[in-house]
C-alpha atoms as a PDB file:
ATOM      1  CA  MET A   1       0.000   0.000   0.000  1.00  0.00           C
ATOM      2  CA  ASN A   2       1.819   3.056  -1.225  1.00  0.00           C
ATOM      3  CA  LYS A   3      -0.966   5.628  -1.231  1.00  0.00           C
ATOM      4  CA  TYR A   4      -1.354   7.649   1.941  1.00  0.00           C
ATOM      5  CA  GLU A   5      -4.548   9.391   2.942  1.00  0.00           C
ATOM      6  CA  THR A   6      -4.260  13.012   4.039  1.00  0.00           C
ATOM      7  CA  CYS A   7      -4.828  14.176   7.607  1.00  0.00           C
ATOM      8  CA  ASP A   8      -7.680  16.682   7.640  1.00  0.00           C
ATOM      9  CA  ILE A   9      -6.043  18.638  10.473  1.00  0.00           C
ATOM     10  CA  CYS A  10      -2.382  19.085   9.470  1.00  0.00           C
ATOM     11  CA  LYS A  11      -2.718  18.046   5.789  1.00  0.00           C
ATOM     12  CA  GLY A  12       0.178  15.593   6.239  1.00  0.00           C
ATOM     13  CA  ASP A  13       0.118  11.870   5.509  1.00  0.00           C
ATOM     14  CA  ILE A  14      -1.947   9.549   7.666  1.00  0.00           C
ATOM     15  CA  ASP A  15       0.273   6.871   9.177  1.00  0.00           C
ATOM     16  CA  HIS A  16       0.009   3.272   8.064  1.00  0.00           C
ATOM     17  CA  HIS A  17      -0.213   0.844  10.964  1.00  0.00           C
ATOM     18  CA  VAL A  18       1.916  -2.230  10.354  1.00  0.00           C
ATOM     19  CA  ASP A  19       1.863  -5.525  12.249  1.00  0.00           C
ATOM     20  CA  GLU A  20       5.336  -5.937  13.769  1.00  0.00           C
ATOM     21  CA  LYS A  21       5.312  -9.726  13.406  1.00  0.00           C
ATOM     22  CA  THR A  22       4.095 -10.045   9.830  1.00  0.00           C
ATOM     23  CA  GLY A  23       5.143  -6.679   8.392  1.00  0.00           C
ATOM     24  CA  LYS A  24       1.693  -6.355   6.821  1.00  0.00           C
ATOM     25  CA  THR A  25      -0.260  -3.110   6.859  1.00  0.00           C
ATOM     26  CA  TYR A  26      -3.523  -3.549   8.721  1.00  0.00           C
ATOM     27  CA  TRP A  27      -4.853   0.026   8.975  1.00  0.00           C
ATOM     28  CA  THR A  28      -4.425   3.109   6.767  1.00  0.00           C
ATOM     29  CA  HIS A  29      -7.414   5.308   7.596  1.00  0.00           C
ATOM     30  CA  GLY A  30      -6.191   7.214  10.656  1.00  0.00           C
ATOM     31  CA  HIS A  31      -8.410   8.329  13.500  1.00  0.00           C
ATOM     32  CA  ASN A  32     -11.713  10.126  13.972  1.00  0.00           C
ATOM     33  CA  ALA A  33     -10.844  13.849  14.203  1.00  0.00           C
ATOM     34  CA  GLU A  34     -13.975  14.916  16.110  1.00  0.00           C
ATOM     35  CA  PRO A  35     -14.337  17.373  17.888  1.00  0.00           C
ATOM     36  CA  VAL A  36     -11.493  19.242  16.139  1.00  0.00           C
ATOM     37  CA  LEU A  37     -13.194  18.751  12.783  1.00  0.00           C
ATOM     38  CA  ASN A  38     -15.309  16.280  10.845  1.00  0.00           C
ATOM     39  CA  GLY A  39     -12.783  14.014   9.154  1.00  0.00           C
ATOM     40  CA  ARG A  40      -9.759  11.774   9.701  1.00  0.00           C
ATOM     41  CA  CYS A  41      -6.418  12.534  11.338  1.00  0.00           C
ATOM     42  CA  CYS A  42      -2.878  11.180  11.706  1.00  0.00           C
ATOM     43  CA  ASP A  43      -1.417   9.698  14.893  1.00  0.00           C
ATOM     44  CA  VAL A  44       0.210  12.977  16.024  1.00  0.00           C
ATOM     45  CA  CYS A  45      -2.943  15.048  15.524  1.00  0.00           C
ATOM     46  CA  ASN A  46      -4.967  12.358  17.295  1.00  0.00           C
ATOM     47  CA  GLU A  47      -3.079  13.207  20.501  1.00  0.00           C
ATOM     48  CA  HIS A  48      -4.480  16.760  20.249  1.00  0.00           C
ATOM     49  CA  VAL A  49      -7.956  15.436  19.412  1.00  0.00           C
ATOM     50  CA  PHE A  50      -7.857  13.223  22.487  1.00  0.00           C
ATOM     51  CA  SER A  51      -6.815  16.173  24.674  1.00  0.00           C
ATOM     52  CA  LEU A  52      -9.700  18.246  23.344  1.00  0.00           C
ATOM     53  CA  ARG A  53     -12.136  15.400  24.052  1.00  0.00           C
ATOM     54  CA  LEU A  54     -10.916  15.314  27.651  1.00  0.00           C
ATOM     55  CA  LYS A  55     -11.374  19.090  27.862  1.00  0.00           C
ATOM     56  CA  GLN A  56     -14.924  18.714  26.530  1.00  0.00           C
ATOM     57  CA  MET A  57     -15.730  16.147  29.205  1.00  0.00           C
ATOM     58  CA  GLN A  58     -14.289  18.413  31.894  1.00  0.00           C
ATOM     59  CA  MET A  59     -16.317  21.363  30.597  1.00  0.00           C
ATOM     60  CA  SER A  60     -19.532  19.324  30.570  1.00  0.00           C
ATOM     61  CA  ARG A  61     -18.989  18.648  34.276  1.00  0.00           C
ATOM     62  CA  GLU A  62     -18.681  22.389  34.840  1.00  0.00           C
ATOM     63  CA  ASN A  63     -22.128  22.984  33.351  1.00  0.00           C
ATOM     64  CA  ASP A  64     -23.224  25.181  36.267  1.00  0.00           C
ATOM     65  CA  VAL A  65     -20.307  27.560  35.727  1.00  0.00           C
ATOM     66  CA  VAL A  66     -20.076  27.786  31.937  1.00  0.00           C
ATOM     67  CA  SER A  67     -23.037  28.309  29.604  1.00  0.00           C
ATOM     68  CA  ARG A  68     -23.510  26.036  26.599  1.00  0.00           C
ATOM     69  CA  PHE A  69     -22.703  28.902  24.207  1.00  0.00           C
ATOM     70  CA  GLU A  70     -19.447  29.680  26.001  1.00  0.00           C
ATOM     71  CA  LYS A  71     -18.480  25.991  26.003  1.00  0.00           C
ATOM     72  CA  ARG A  72     -19.107  25.670  22.263  1.00  0.00           C
ATOM     73  CA  GLU A  73     -17.173  28.849  21.572  1.00  0.00           C
ATOM     74  CA  THR A  74     -14.256  27.624  23.692  1.00  0.00           C
ATOM     75  CA  ILE A  75     -14.164  24.197  22.015  1.00  0.00           C
ATOM     76  CA  ASP A  76     -14.309  25.809  18.559  1.00  0.00           C
ATOM     77  CA  SER A  77     -11.468  28.184  19.470  1.00  0.00           C
ATOM     78  CA  LEU A  78      -9.330  25.316  20.754  1.00  0.00           C
ATOM     79  CA  ALA A  79     -10.054  23.286  17.619  1.00  0.00           C
ATOM     80  CA  LYS A  80      -9.024  26.185  15.360  1.00  0.00           C
ATOM     81  CA  PHE A  81      -5.830  26.630  17.354  1.00  0.00           C
ATOM     82  CA  ILE A  82      -4.991  22.914  17.072  1.00  0.00           C
ATOM     83  CA  ILE A  83      -5.537  22.922  13.313  1.00  0.00           C
ATOM     84  CA  GLN A  84      -3.375  26.001  12.738  1.00  0.00           C
ATOM     85  CA  ASP A  85      -0.641  24.856  15.125  1.00  0.00           C
ATOM     86  CA  ARG A  86      -0.328  21.396  13.531  1.00  0.00           C
ATOM     87  CA  ARG A  87      -0.230  22.845  10.005  1.00  0.00           C
ATOM     88  CA  ASN A  88       2.490  25.272  11.070  1.00  0.00           C
ATOM     89  CA  GLN A  89       4.506  22.439  12.643  1.00  0.00           C
ATOM     90  CA  LEU A  90       4.269  20.392   9.465  1.00  0.00           C
ATOM     91  CA  GLN A  91       5.354  23.350   7.308  1.00  0.00           C
ATOM     92  CA  GLU A  92       8.344  24.041   9.569  1.00  0.00           C
ATOM     93  CA  SER A  93       9.480  20.404   9.380  1.00  0.00           C
ATOM     94  CA  LYS A  94       9.667  20.467   5.557  1.00  0.00           C
END
């Protein structure tokens, strides 16, 4: 499998997961990128996605303190920051 899918967050290649014993590729489609965006992401971006999911869960527990609008706005702002930061990192590494 030579063709790589593109990460919807950083626009880099999505990693191929290879079985260490057989050397065969068993997964090429990356990870669910929600809530950063609707699409697929690479392994590195998935770490940021996971962090944002944890933040979402924490914010839902703080429902008495933060309104739903403010929570959505905060999550959207964090998602935009993650997307821009990862794209910048990828550009700098080239």
